[in-house]
């Protein structure tokens, strides 16, 4: 199995081009169950019934390279960051302790502003 086909987590979409996001970042959950919980908490913002699909490493990186941002939960981030570091990212282990206002804690990564400056991927 190539690194591109590694499953990082799950995303939800309402149409082929409408991905469920938290703000400007598409949510990547570590499990289908976690995605269902996130969808429940966002219910008022989602107008159509979303479908849940697997999120592959290669698809995430390609989308980031053309401008996409992602909100990773703890489980998905812990799958993503070590693989990302093998292809030139400079990501660190994150602490997911403590609760947030919504109960959801995400690490948001955005597109690089400068290929030589991977620190720009973390927002």
PDB file of N, CA and C in Angstrom:
ATOM      1  N   UNK A   1       0.854  -1.179   0.000  1.00  0.00           N
ATOM      2  CA  UNK A   1       0.000   0.000   0.000  1.00  0.00           C
ATOM      3  C   UNK A   1       0.894   1.235   0.000  1.00  0.00           C
ATOM      4  N   UNK A   2       0.652   2.125  -0.961  1.00  0.00           N
ATOM      5  CA  UNK A   2       1.454   3.349  -1.023  1.00  0.00           C
ATOM      6  C   UNK A   2       1.005   4.331   0.054  1.00  0.00           C
ATOM      7  N   UNK A   3       1.865   5.270   0.360  1.00  0.00           N
ATOM      8  CA  UNK A   3       1.556   6.276   1.379  1.00  0.00           C
ATOM      9  C   UNK A   3       0.311   7.082   0.975  1.00  0.00           C
ATOM     10  N   UNK A   4       0.131   7.330  -0.323  1.00  0.00           N
ATOM     11  CA  UNK A   4      -1.023   8.104  -0.794  1.00  0.00           C
ATOM     12  C   UNK A   4      -2.358   7.447  -0.460  1.00  0.00           C
ATOM     13  N   UNK A   5      -2.383   6.131  -0.388  1.00  0.00           N
ATOM     14  CA  UNK A   5      -3.654   5.434  -0.149  1.00  0.00           C
ATOM     15  C   UNK A   5      -3.920   5.132   1.324  1.00  0.00           C
ATOM     16  N   UNK A   6      -3.034   5.568   2.206  1.00  0.00           N
ATOM     17  CA  UNK A   6      -3.244   5.367   3.652  1.00  0.00           C
ATOM     18  C   UNK A   6      -4.468   6.155   4.101  1.00  0.00           C
ATOM     19  N   UNK A   7      -5.331   5.506   4.874  1.00  0.00           N
ATOM     20  CA  UNK A   7      -6.542   6.148   5.375  1.00  0.00           C
ATOM     21  C   UNK A   7      -6.187   6.950   6.627  1.00  0.00           C
ATOM     22  N   UNK A   8      -6.470   8.257   6.576  1.00  0.00           N
ATOM     23  CA  UNK A   8      -6.196   9.155   7.696  1.00  0.00           C
ATOM     24  C   UNK A   8      -7.413   9.247   8.604  1.00  0.00           C
ATOM     25  N   UNK A   9      -8.573   9.205   8.013  1.00  0.00           N
ATOM     26  CA  UNK A   9      -9.813   9.329   8.774  1.00  0.00           C
ATOM     27  C   UNK A   9     -10.996   9.379   7.843  1.00  0.00           C
ATOM     28  N   UNK A  10     -11.997  10.185   8.220  1.00  0.00           N
ATOM     29  CA  UNK A  10     -13.243  10.261   7.468  1.00  0.00           C
ATOM     30  C   UNK A  10     -13.667  11.711   7.302  1.00  0.00           C
ATOM     31  N   UNK A  11     -14.260  12.009   6.143  1.00  0.00           N
ATOM     32  CA  UNK A  11     -14.830  13.328   5.898  1.00  0.00           C
ATOM     33  C   UNK A  11     -16.287  13.136   5.516  1.00  0.00           C
ATOM     34  N   UNK A  12     -17.031  14.217   5.513  1.00  0.00           N
ATOM     35  CA  UNK A  12     -18.445  14.151   5.138  1.00  0.00           C
ATOM     36  C   UNK A  12     -18.707  15.175   4.046  1.00  0.00           C
ATOM     37  N   UNK A  13     -19.594  14.815   3.118  1.00  0.00           N
ATOM     38  CA  UNK A  13     -19.966  15.751   2.058  1.00  0.00           C
ATOM     39  C   UNK A  13     -21.457  15.647   1.781  1.00  0.00           C
ATOM     40  N   UNK A  14     -22.017  16.753   1.337  1.00  0.00           N
ATOM     41  CA  UNK A  14     -23.437  16.781   0.995  1.00  0.00           C
ATOM     42  C   UNK A  14     -23.646  16.674  -0.507  1.00  0.00           C
ATOM     43  N   UNK A  15     -22.649  17.108  -1.276  1.00  0.00           N
ATOM     44  CA  UNK A  15     -22.600  16.927  -2.726  1.00  0.00           C
ATOM     45  C   UNK A  15     -21.148  16.597  -3.049  1.00  0.00           C
ATOM     46  N   UNK A  16     -20.856  16.188  -4.278  1.00  0.00           N
ATOM     47  CA  UNK A  16     -19.448  15.876  -4.596  1.00  0.00           C
ATOM     48  C   UNK A  16     -18.470  17.021  -4.350  1.00  0.00           C
ATOM     49  N   UNK A  17     -18.960  18.266  -4.336  1.00  0.00           N
ATOM     50  CA  UNK A  17     -18.039  19.388  -4.126  1.00  0.00           C
ATOM     51  C   UNK A  17     -18.318  20.169  -2.839  1.00  0.00           C
ATOM     52  N   UNK A  18     -19.305  19.773  -2.056  1.00  0.00           N
ATOM     53  CA  UNK A  18     -19.619  20.455  -0.804  1.00  0.00           C
ATOM     54  C   UNK A  18     -19.225  19.578   0.380  1.00  0.00           C
ATOM     55  N   UNK A  19     -18.057  19.903   0.961  1.00  0.00           N
ATOM     56  CA  UNK A  19     -17.510  19.149   2.084  1.00  0.00           C
ATOM     57  C   UNK A  19     -17.944  19.832   3.383  1.00  0.00           C
ATOM     58  N   UNK A  20     -18.232  19.034   4.403  1.00  0.00           N
ATOM     59  CA  UNK A  20     -18.621  19.587   5.699  1.00  0.00           C
ATOM     60  C   UNK A  20     -17.378  20.167   6.371  1.00  0.00           C
ATOM     61  N   UNK A  21     -17.498  21.432   6.767  1.00  0.00           N
ATOM     62  CA  UNK A  21     -16.361  22.157   7.344  1.00  0.00           C
ATOM     63  C   UNK A  21     -16.710  22.758   8.697  1.00  0.00           C
ATOM     64  N   UNK A  22     -15.673  23.072   9.432  1.00  0.00           N
ATOM     65  CA  UNK A  22     -15.778  23.856  10.663  1.00  0.00           C
ATOM     66  C   UNK A  22     -15.088  25.175  10.338  1.00  0.00           C
ATOM     67  N   UNK A  23     -15.865  26.199  10.075  1.00  0.00           N
ATOM     68  CA  UNK A  23     -15.290  27.440   9.569  1.00  0.00           C
ATOM     69  C   UNK A  23     -14.834  27.210   8.147  1.00  0.00           C
ATOM     70  N   UNK A  24     -13.574  27.526   7.866  1.00  0.00           N
ATOM     71  CA  UNK A  24     -13.031  27.373   6.517  1.00  0.00           C
ATOM     72  C   UNK A  24     -12.295  26.057   6.304  1.00  0.00           C
ATOM     73  N   UNK A  25     -12.269  25.200   7.310  1.00  0.00           N
ATOM     74  CA  UNK A  25     -11.485  23.963   7.231  1.00  0.00           C
ATOM     75  C   UNK A  25     -12.387  22.728   7.187  1.00  0.00           C
ATOM     76  N   UNK A  26     -12.096  21.852   6.250  1.00  0.00           N
ATOM     77  CA  UNK A  26     -12.849  20.599   6.118  1.00  0.00           C
ATOM     78  C   UNK A  26     -12.489  19.679   7.287  1.00  0.00           C
ATOM     79  N   UNK A  27     -13.497  19.107   7.903  1.00  0.00           N
ATOM     80  CA  UNK A  27     -13.277  18.250   9.081  1.00  0.00           C
ATOM     81  C   UNK A  27     -12.827  16.857   8.647  1.00  0.00           C
ATOM     82  N   UNK A  28     -11.758  16.380   9.288  1.00  0.00           N
ATOM     83  CA  UNK A  28     -11.301  14.999   9.135  1.00  0.00           C
ATOM     84  C   UNK A  28     -11.384  14.369  10.523  1.00  0.00           C
ATOM     85  N   UNK A  29     -12.250  13.371  10.646  1.00  0.00           N
ATOM     86  CA  UNK A  29     -12.445  12.678  11.919  1.00  0.00           C
ATOM     87  C   UNK A  29     -11.710  11.347  11.884  1.00  0.00           C
ATOM     88  N   UNK A  30     -11.259  10.905  13.033  1.00  0.00           N
ATOM     89  CA  UNK A  30     -10.510   9.654  13.122  1.00  0.00           C
ATOM     90  C   UNK A  30     -11.353   8.409  12.943  1.00  0.00           C
ATOM     91  N   UNK A  31     -12.663   8.529  13.111  1.00  0.00           N
ATOM     92  CA  UNK A  31     -13.553   7.381  12.951  1.00  0.00           C
ATOM     93  C   UNK A  31     -14.897   7.855  12.415  1.00  0.00           C
ATOM     94  N   UNK A  32     -15.674   6.921  11.872  1.00  0.00           N
ATOM     95  CA  UNK A  32     -17.016   7.267  11.400  1.00  0.00           C
ATOM     96  C   UNK A  32     -17.879   7.727  12.570  1.00  0.00           C
ATOM     97  N   UNK A  33     -17.726   7.085  13.714  1.00  0.00           N
ATOM     98  CA  UNK A  33     -18.497   7.458  14.904  1.00  0.00           C
ATOM     99  C   UNK A  33     -18.194   8.898  15.324  1.00  0.00           C
ATOM    100  N   UNK A  34     -16.913   9.258  15.320  1.00  0.00           N
ATOM    101  CA  UNK A  34     -16.535  10.628  15.676  1.00  0.00           C
ATOM    102  C   UNK A  34     -17.128  11.611  14.665  1.00  0.00           C
ATOM    103  N   UNK A  35     -17.117  11.266  13.377  1.00  0.00           N
ATOM    104  CA  UNK A  35     -17.695  12.152  12.367  1.00  0.00           C
ATOM    105  C   UNK A  35     -19.191  12.327  12.617  1.00  0.00           C
ATOM    106  N   UNK A  36     -19.880  11.259  12.976  1.00  0.00           N
ATOM    107  CA  UNK A  36     -21.317  11.380  13.275  1.00  0.00           C
ATOM    108  C   UNK A  36     -21.548  12.342  14.444  1.00  0.00           C
ATOM    109  N   UNK A  37     -20.689  12.267  15.469  1.00  0.00           N
ATOM    110  CA  UNK A  37     -20.812  13.197  16.607  1.00  0.00           C
ATOM    111  C   UNK A  37     -20.589  14.643  16.159  1.00  0.00           C
ATOM    112  N   UNK A  38     -19.567  14.879  15.335  1.00  0.00           N
ATOM    113  CA  UNK A  38     -19.297  16.228  14.844  1.00  0.00           C
ATOM    114  C   UNK A  38     -20.479  16.729  14.016  1.00  0.00           C
ATOM    115  N   UNK A  39     -21.038  15.856  13.171  1.00  0.00           N
ATOM    116  CA  UNK A  39     -22.177  16.252  12.345  1.00  0.00           C
ATOM    117  C   UNK A  39     -23.377  16.629  13.202  1.00  0.00           C
ATOM    118  N   UNK A  40     -23.578  15.878  14.283  1.00  0.00           N
ATOM    119  CA  UNK A  40     -24.683  16.202  15.193  1.00  0.00           C
ATOM    120  C   UNK A  40     -24.504  17.585  15.801  1.00  0.00           C
ATOM    121  N   UNK A  41     -23.264  17.911  16.175  1.00  0.00           N
ATOM    122  CA  UNK A  41     -23.003  19.214  16.787  1.00  0.00           C
ATOM    123  C   UNK A  41     -23.115  20.353  15.777  1.00  0.00           C
ATOM    124  N   UNK A  42     -23.003  20.042  14.490  1.00  0.00           N
ATOM    125  CA  UNK A  42     -23.107  21.047  13.438  1.00  0.00           C
ATOM    126  C   UNK A  42     -24.462  21.015  12.737  1.00  0.00           C
ATOM    127  N   UNK A  43     -25.400  20.255  13.254  1.00  0.00           N
ATOM    128  CA  UNK A  43     -26.662  19.984  12.567  1.00  0.00           C
ATOM    129  C   UNK A  43     -27.341  21.226  12.011  1.00  0.00           C
ATOM    130  N   UNK A  44     -27.316  22.329  12.720  1.00  0.00           N
ATOM    131  CA  UNK A  44     -27.997  23.533  12.240  1.00  0.00           C
ATOM    132  C   UNK A  44     -27.293  24.161  11.032  1.00  0.00           C
ATOM    133  N   UNK A  45     -26.009  23.845  10.831  1.00  0.00           N
ATOM    134  CA  UNK A  45     -25.255  24.409   9.704  1.00  0.00           C
ATOM    135  C   UNK A  45     -25.268  23.509   8.468  1.00  0.00           C
ATOM    136  N   UNK A  46     -25.725  22.270   8.602  1.00  0.00           N
ATOM    137  CA  UNK A  46     -25.722  21.326   7.490  1.00  0.00           C
ATOM    138  C   UNK A  46     -27.150  21.184   6.990  1.00  0.00           C
ATOM    139  N   UNK A  47     -27.378  21.597   5.739  1.00  0.00           N
ATOM    140  CA  UNK A  47     -28.739  21.625   5.212  1.00  0.00           C
ATOM    141  C   UNK A  47     -29.164  20.316   4.560  1.00  0.00           C
ATOM    142  N   UNK A  48     -28.234  19.543   4.039  1.00  0.00           N
ATOM    143  CA  UNK A  48     -28.535  18.257   3.411  1.00  0.00           C
ATOM    144  C   UNK A  48     -27.902  17.138   4.220  1.00  0.00           C
ATOM    145  N   UNK A  49     -28.435  15.945   4.074  1.00  0.00           N
ATOM    146  CA  UNK A  49     -27.876  14.792   4.780  1.00  0.00           C
ATOM    147  C   UNK A  49     -26.500  14.443   4.200  1.00  0.00           C
ATOM    148  N   UNK A  50     -25.467  14.528   5.012  1.00  0.00           N
ATOM    149  CA  UNK A  50     -24.116  14.250   4.509  1.00  0.00           C
ATOM    150  C   UNK A  50     -23.829  12.754   4.384  1.00  0.00           C
ATOM    151  N   UNK A  51     -22.934  12.447   3.464  1.00  0.00           N
ATOM    152  CA  UNK A  51     -22.410  11.090   3.304  1.00  0.00           C
ATOM    153  C   UNK A  51     -21.005  11.093   3.874  1.00  0.00           C
ATOM    154  N   UNK A  52     -20.638  10.011   4.558  1.00  0.00           N
ATOM    155  CA  UNK A  52     -19.309   9.900   5.171  1.00  0.00           C
ATOM    156  C   UNK A  52     -18.445   8.998   4.295  1.00  0.00           C
ATOM    157  N   UNK A  53     -17.239   9.474   4.012  1.00  0.00           N
ATOM    158  CA  UNK A  53     -16.291   8.742   3.166  1.00  0.00           C
ATOM    159  C   UNK A  53     -14.910   8.717   3.823  1.00  0.00           C
ATOM    160  N   UNK A  54     -14.089   7.767   3.386  1.00  0.00           N
ATOM    161  CA  UNK A  54     -12.710   7.679   3.869  1.00  0.00           C
ATOM    162  C   UNK A  54     -11.877   8.812   3.285  1.00  0.00           C
ATOM    163  N   UNK A  55     -10.976   9.349   4.098  1.00  0.00           N
ATOM    164  CA  UNK A  55     -10.057  10.414   3.670  1.00  0.00           C
ATOM    165  C   UNK A  55      -8.656   9.821   3.556  1.00  0.00           C
ATOM    166  N   UNK A  56      -8.115   9.820   2.350  1.00  0.00           N
ATOM    167  CA  UNK A  56      -6.792   9.258   2.101  1.00  0.00           C
ATOM    168  C   UNK A  56      -5.722  10.343   2.164  1.00  0.00           C
ATOM    169  N   UNK A  57      -4.550   9.944   2.620  1.00  0.00           N
ATOM    170  CA  UNK A  57      -3.424  10.858   2.776  1.00  0.00           C
ATOM    171  C   UNK A  57      -3.136  11.636   1.492  1.00  0.00           C
ATOM    172  N   UNK A  58      -3.001  10.943   0.380  1.00  0.00           N
ATOM    173  CA  UNK A  58      -2.661  11.597  -0.884  1.00  0.00           C
ATOM    174  C   UNK A  58      -3.693  12.623  -1.309  1.00  0.00           C
ATOM    175  N   UNK A  59      -4.968  12.314  -1.118  1.00  0.00           N
ATOM    176  CA  UNK A  59      -6.031  13.252  -1.480  1.00  0.00           C
ATOM    177  C   UNK A  59      -5.969  14.517  -0.623  1.00  0.00           C
ATOM    178  N   UNK A  60      -5.696  14.340   0.671  1.00  0.00           N
ATOM    179  CA  UNK A  60      -5.592  15.494   1.575  1.00  0.00           C
ATOM    180  C   UNK A  60      -4.434  16.395   1.159  1.00  0.00           C
ATOM    181  N   UNK A  61      -3.264  15.812   0.929  1.00  0.00           N
ATOM    182  CA  UNK A  61      -2.081  16.610   0.568  1.00  0.00           C
ATOM    183  C   UNK A  61      -2.299  17.311  -0.766  1.00  0.00           C
ATOM    184  N   UNK A  62      -2.867  16.614  -1.751  1.00  0.00           N
ATOM    185  CA  UNK A  62      -3.123  17.254  -3.057  1.00  0.00           C
ATOM    186  C   UNK A  62      -4.082  18.437  -2.899  1.00  0.00           C
ATOM    187  N   UNK A  63      -5.116  18.259  -2.097  1.00  0.00           N
ATOM    188  CA  UNK A  63      -6.082  19.346  -1.883  1.00  0.00           C
ATOM    189  C   UNK A  63      -5.427  20.523  -1.150  1.00  0.00           C
ATOM    190  N   UNK A  64      -4.563  20.226  -0.183  1.00  0.00           N
ATOM    191  CA  UNK A  64      -3.858  21.300   0.522  1.00  0.00           C
ATOM    192  C   UNK A  64      -2.973  22.080  -0.446  1.00  0.00           C
ATOM    193  N   UNK A  65      -2.363  21.383  -1.383  1.00  0.00           N
ATOM    194  CA  UNK A  65      -1.482  22.042  -2.344  1.00  0.00           C
ATOM    195  C   UNK A  65      -2.224  22.983  -3.284  1.00  0.00           C
ATOM    196  N   UNK A  66      -3.548  22.826  -3.403  1.00  0.00           N
ATOM    197  CA  UNK A  66      -4.321  23.742  -4.247  1.00  0.00           C
ATOM    198  C   UNK A  66      -5.208  24.668  -3.418  1.00  0.00           C
ATOM    199  N   UNK A  67      -4.966  24.718  -2.100  1.00  0.00           N
ATOM    200  CA  UNK A  67      -5.625  25.726  -1.294  1.00  0.00           C
ATOM    201  C   UNK A  67      -6.563  25.265  -0.202  1.00  0.00           C
ATOM    202  N   UNK A  68      -6.783  23.981  -0.034  1.00  0.00           N
ATOM    203  CA  UNK A  68      -7.711  23.492   0.992  1.00  0.00           C
ATOM    204  C   UNK A  68      -7.090  23.541   2.386  1.00  0.00           C
ATOM    205  N   UNK A  69      -7.954  23.747   3.377  1.00  0.00           N
ATOM    206  CA  UNK A  69      -7.556  23.668   4.783  1.00  0.00           C
ATOM    207  C   UNK A  69      -8.327  22.526   5.427  1.00  0.00           C
ATOM    208  N   UNK A  70      -7.706  21.882   6.396  1.00  0.00           N
ATOM    209  CA  UNK A  70      -8.334  20.749   7.078  1.00  0.00           C
ATOM    210  C   UNK A  70      -8.290  20.925   8.580  1.00  0.00           C
ATOM    211  N   UNK A  71      -9.360  20.478   9.241  1.00  0.00           N
ATOM    212  CA  UNK A  71      -9.456  20.468  10.699  1.00  0.00           C
ATOM    213  C   UNK A  71      -9.407  19.002  11.129  1.00  0.00           C
ATOM    214  N   UNK A  72      -8.295  18.593  11.720  1.00  0.00           N
ATOM    215  CA  UNK A  72      -8.081  17.211  12.141  1.00  0.00           C
ATOM    216  C   UNK A  72      -8.428  17.044  13.614  1.00  0.00           C
ATOM    217  N   UNK A  73      -9.146  15.971  13.952  1.00  0.00           N
ATOM    218  CA  UNK A  73      -9.312  15.638  15.367  1.00  0.00           C
ATOM    219  C   UNK A  73      -8.062  14.890  15.814  1.00  0.00           C
ATOM    220  N   UNK A  74      -8.005  14.516  17.075  1.00  0.00           N
ATOM    221  CA  UNK A  74      -6.787  13.900  17.622  1.00  0.00           C
ATOM    222  C   UNK A  74      -6.393  12.623  16.890  1.00  0.00           C
ATOM    223  N   UNK A  75      -7.345  11.739  16.690  1.00  0.00           N
ATOM    224  CA  UNK A  75      -7.037  10.452  16.056  1.00  0.00           C
ATOM    225  C   UNK A  75      -6.540  10.639  14.624  1.00  0.00           C
ATOM    226  N   UNK A  76      -7.201  11.476  13.847  1.00  0.00           N
ATOM    227  CA  UNK A  76      -6.785  11.671  12.452  1.00  0.00           C
ATOM    228  C   UNK A  76      -5.461  12.440  12.365  1.00  0.00           C
ATOM    229  N   UNK A  77      -5.263  13.432  13.238  1.00  0.00           N
ATOM    230  CA  UNK A  77      -4.005  14.179  13.222  1.00  0.00           C
ATOM    231  C   UNK A  77      -2.832  13.255  13.543  1.00  0.00           C
ATOM    232  N   UNK A  78      -3.024  12.364  14.507  1.00  0.00           N
ATOM    233  CA  UNK A  78      -1.944  11.452  14.880  1.00  0.00           C
ATOM    234  C   UNK A  78      -1.616  10.444  13.778  1.00  0.00           C
ATOM    235  N   UNK A  79      -2.523  10.227  12.853  1.00  0.00           N
ATOM    236  CA  UNK A  79      -2.224   9.417  11.663  1.00  0.00           C
ATOM    237  C   UNK A  79      -1.554  10.270  10.591  1.00  0.00           C
ATOM    238  N   UNK A  80      -2.018  11.523  10.470  1.00  0.00           N
ATOM    239  CA  UNK A  80      -1.549  12.386   9.392  1.00  0.00           C
ATOM    240  C   UNK A  80      -0.127  12.901   9.597  1.00  0.00           C
ATOM    241  N   UNK A  81       0.167  13.441  10.784  1.00  0.00           N
ATOM    242  CA  UNK A  81       1.427  14.179  10.926  1.00  0.00           C
ATOM    243  C   UNK A  81       2.690  13.347  10.704  1.00  0.00           C
ATOM    244  N   UNK A  82       2.776  12.086  11.153  1.00  0.00           N
ATOM    245  CA  UNK A  82       4.031  11.365  10.875  1.00  0.00           C
ATOM    246  C   UNK A  82       4.227  11.092   9.378  1.00  0.00           C
ATOM    247  N   UNK A  83       3.137  10.791   8.670  1.00  0.00           N
ATOM    248  CA  UNK A  83       3.234  10.569   7.222  1.00  0.00           C
ATOM    249  C   UNK A  83       3.599  11.870   6.518  1.00  0.00           C
ATOM    250  N   UNK A  84       2.962  12.966   6.923  1.00  0.00           N
ATOM    251  CA  UNK A  84       3.238  14.271   6.304  1.00  0.00           C
ATOM    252  C   UNK A  84       4.703  14.648   6.467  1.00  0.00           C
ATOM    253  N   UNK A  85       5.264  14.334   7.610  1.00  0.00           N
ATOM    254  CA  UNK A  85       6.671  14.668   7.843  1.00  0.00           C
ATOM    255  C   UNK A  85       7.603  13.877   6.942  1.00  0.00           C
ATOM    256  N   UNK A  86       7.186  12.721   6.455  1.00  0.00           N
ATOM    257  CA  UNK A  86       8.037  11.941   5.544  1.00  0.00           C
ATOM    258  C   UNK A  86       8.048  12.527   4.142  1.00  0.00           C
ATOM    259  N   UNK A  87       7.102  13.434   3.845  1.00  0.00           N
ATOM    260  CA  UNK A  87       7.055  14.046   2.511  1.00  0.00           C
ATOM    261  C   UNK A  87       7.334  15.548   2.560  1.00  0.00           C
ATOM    262  N   UNK A  88       8.008  16.009   3.623  1.00  0.00           N
ATOM    263  CA  UNK A  88       8.479  17.376   3.650  1.00  0.00           C
ATOM    264  C   UNK A  88       7.766  18.345   4.578  1.00  0.00           C
ATOM    265  N   UNK A  89       6.713  17.921   5.244  1.00  0.00           N
ATOM    266  CA  UNK A  89       6.070  18.795   6.233  1.00  0.00           C
ATOM    267  C   UNK A  89       6.952  18.841   7.487  1.00  0.00           C
ATOM    268  N   UNK A  90       6.727  19.817   8.323  1.00  0.00           N
ATOM    269  CA  UNK A  90       7.432  19.926   9.601  1.00  0.00           C
ATOM    270  C   UNK A  90       6.398  20.080  10.708  1.00  0.00           C
ATOM    271  N   UNK A  91       5.645  19.034  10.932  1.00  0.00           N
ATOM    272  CA  UNK A  91       4.567  19.065  11.925  1.00  0.00           C
ATOM    273  C   UNK A  91       5.032  18.412  13.210  1.00  0.00           C
ATOM    274  N   UNK A  92       4.408  18.823  14.305  1.00  0.00           N
ATOM    275  CA  UNK A  92       4.776  18.307  15.624  1.00  0.00           C
ATOM    276  C   UNK A  92       3.584  17.616  16.268  1.00  0.00           C
ATOM    277  N   UNK A  93       3.897  16.802  17.261  1.00  0.00           N
ATOM    278  CA  UNK A  93       2.848  16.200  18.085  1.00  0.00           C
ATOM    279  C   UNK A  93       2.068  17.331  18.738  1.00  0.00           C
ATOM    280  N   UNK A  94       0.764  17.224  18.766  1.00  0.00           N
ATOM    281  CA  UNK A  94      -0.085  18.253  19.374  1.00  0.00           C
ATOM    282  C   UNK A  94      -0.711  17.722  20.650  1.00  0.00           C
ATOM    283  N   UNK A  95      -0.998  18.622  21.574  1.00  0.00           N
ATOM    284  CA  UNK A  95      -1.699  18.245  22.806  1.00  0.00           C
ATOM    285  C   UNK A  95      -3.185  18.491  22.600  1.00  0.00           C
ATOM    286  N   UNK A  96      -3.980  17.503  22.895  1.00  0.00           N
ATOM    287  CA  UNK A  96      -5.422  17.593  22.724  1.00  0.00           C
ATOM    288  C   UNK A  96      -6.131  17.572  24.071  1.00  0.00           C
ATOM    289  N   UNK A  97      -5.446  17.986  25.123  1.00  0.00           N
ATOM    290  CA  UNK A  97      -6.060  17.972  26.449  1.00  0.00           C
ATOM    291  C   UNK A  97      -6.927  19.212  26.631  1.00  0.00           C
ATOM    292  N   UNK A  98      -7.817  19.130  27.571  1.00  0.00           N
ATOM    293  CA  UNK A  98      -8.696  20.263  27.850  1.00  0.00           C
ATOM    294  C   UNK A  98      -9.895  20.264  26.932  1.00  0.00           C
ATOM    295  N   UNK A  99     -10.955  20.888  27.374  1.00  0.00           N
ATOM    296  CA  UNK A  99     -12.159  20.924  26.555  1.00  0.00           C
ATOM    297  C   UNK A  99     -12.301  22.287  25.894  1.00  0.00           C
ATOM    298  N   UNK A 100     -13.063  22.306  24.827  1.00  0.00           N
ATOM    299  CA  UNK A 100     -13.331  23.549  24.119  1.00  0.00           C
ATOM    300  C   UNK A 100     -14.802  23.888  24.296  1.00  0.00           C
ATOM    301  N   UNK A 101     -15.178  25.047  23.817  1.00  0.00           N
ATOM    302  CA  UNK A 101     -16.559  25.507  23.938  1.00  0.00           C
ATOM    303  C   UNK A 101     -17.550  24.496  23.349  1.00  0.00           C
ATOM    304  N   UNK A 102     -17.208  23.918  22.201  1.00  0.00           N
ATOM    305  CA  UNK A 102     -18.098  22.962  21.545  1.00  0.00           C
ATOM    306  C   UNK A 102     -17.816  21.524  21.969  1.00  0.00           C
ATOM    307  N   UNK A 103     -16.722  21.315  22.685  1.00  0.00           N
ATOM    308  CA  UNK A 103     -16.324  19.960  23.035  1.00  0.00           C
ATOM    309  C   UNK A 103     -15.455  19.333  21.964  1.00  0.00           C
ATOM    310  N   UNK A 104     -15.300  20.007  20.823  1.00  0.00           N
ATOM    311  CA  UNK A 104     -14.475  19.513  19.722  1.00  0.00           C
ATOM    312  C   UNK A 104     -13.143  20.246  19.717  1.00  0.00           C
ATOM    313  N   UNK A 105     -12.073  19.506  19.535  1.00  0.00           N
ATOM    314  CA  UNK A 105     -10.739  20.102  19.470  1.00  0.00           C
ATOM    315  C   UNK A 105     -10.117  19.655  18.160  1.00  0.00           C
ATOM    316  N   UNK A 106      -9.778  20.608  17.303  1.00  0.00           N
ATOM    317  CA  UNK A 106      -9.175  20.312  16.019  1.00  0.00           C
ATOM    318  C   UNK A 106      -7.846  21.037  15.871  1.00  0.00           C
ATOM    319  N   UNK A 107      -6.942  20.420  15.120  1.00  0.00           N
ATOM    320  CA  UNK A 107      -5.740  21.092  14.657  1.00  0.00           C
ATOM    321  C   UNK A 107      -6.026  21.449  13.203  1.00  0.00           C
ATOM    322  N   UNK A 108      -5.933  22.735  12.887  1.00  0.00           N
ATOM    323  CA  UNK A 108      -6.242  23.196  11.533  1.00  0.00           C
ATOM    324  C   UNK A 108      -4.946  23.410  10.774  1.00  0.00           C
ATOM    325  N   UNK A 109      -4.852  22.762   9.611  1.00  0.00           N
ATOM    326  CA  UNK A 109      -3.702  22.909   8.723  1.00  0.00           C
ATOM    327  C   UNK A 109      -4.200  23.471   7.415  1.00  0.00           C
ATOM    328  N   UNK A 110      -3.461  24.457   6.904  1.00  0.00           N
ATOM    329  CA  UNK A 110      -3.847  25.091   5.655  1.00  0.00           C
ATOM    330  C   UNK A 110      -2.811  24.885   4.585  1.00  0.00           C
ATOM    331  N   UNK A 111      -3.080  25.454   3.428  1.00  0.00           N
ATOM    332  CA  UNK A 111      -2.151  25.301   2.303  1.00  0.00           C
ATOM    333  C   UNK A 111      -0.847  26.042   2.559  1.00  0.00           C
ATOM    334  N   UNK A 112       0.230  25.540   1.991  1.00  0.00           N
ATOM    335  CA  UNK A 112       1.509  26.226   2.166  1.00  0.00           C
ATOM    336  C   UNK A 112       1.510  27.560   1.424  1.00  0.00           C
ATOM    337  N   UNK A 113       2.094  28.571   2.037  1.00  0.00           N
ATOM    338  CA  UNK A 113       2.239  29.855   1.359  1.00  0.00           C
ATOM    339  C   UNK A 113       3.593  29.925   0.677  1.00  0.00           C
ATOM    340  N   UNK A 114       4.497  29.056   1.130  1.00  0.00           N
ATOM    341  CA  UNK A 114       5.828  28.998   0.546  1.00  0.00           C
ATOM    342  C   UNK A 114       6.295  27.557   0.706  1.00  0.00           C
ATOM    343  N   UNK A 115       6.571  26.886  -0.387  1.00  0.00           N
ATOM    344  CA  UNK A 115       6.951  25.476  -0.336  1.00  0.00           C
ATOM    345  C   UNK A 115       8.162  25.254   0.562  1.00  0.00           C
ATOM    346  N   UNK A 116       9.081  26.197   0.612  1.00  0.00           N
ATOM    347  CA  UNK A 116      10.280  26.044   1.442  1.00  0.00           C
ATOM    348  C   UNK A 116       9.982  26.290   2.917  1.00  0.00           C
ATOM    349  N   UNK A 117       8.803  26.811   3.249  1.00  0.00           N
ATOM    350  CA  UNK A 117       8.468  27.150   4.628  1.00  0.00           C
ATOM    351  C   UNK A 117       7.265  26.335   5.092  1.00  0.00           C
ATOM    352  N   UNK A 118       7.514  25.081   5.466  1.00  0.00           N
ATOM    353  CA  UNK A 118       6.416  24.190   5.862  1.00  0.00           C
ATOM    354  C   UNK A 118       5.711  24.637   7.123  1.00  0.00           C
ATOM    355  N   UNK A 119       6.315  25.487   7.955  1.00  0.00           N
ATOM    356  CA  UNK A 119       5.656  25.986   9.145  1.00  0.00           C
ATOM    357  C   UNK A 119       4.391  26.752   8.778  1.00  0.00           C
ATOM    358  N   UNK A 120       4.319  27.247   7.532  1.00  0.00           N
ATOM    359  CA  UNK A 120       3.140  27.997   7.105  1.00  0.00           C
ATOM    360  C   UNK A 120       1.909  27.099   6.970  1.00  0.00           C
ATOM    361  N   UNK A 121       2.091  25.798   7.027  1.00  0.00           N
ATOM    362  CA  UNK A 121       0.967  24.876   6.922  1.00  0.00           C
ATOM    363  C   UNK A 121       0.126  24.845   8.195  1.00  0.00           C
ATOM    364  N   UNK A 122       0.687  25.221   9.310  1.00  0.00           N
ATOM    365  CA  UNK A 122      -0.036  25.173  10.567  1.00  0.00           C
ATOM    366  C   UNK A 122      -0.631  26.543  10.846  1.00  0.00           C
ATOM    367  N   UNK A 123      -1.966  26.563  11.071  1.00  0.00           N
ATOM    368  CA  UNK A 123      -2.624  27.827  11.406  1.00  0.00           C
ATOM    369  C   UNK A 123      -3.221  27.703  12.775  1.00  0.00           C
TER     370      UNK A 123
END
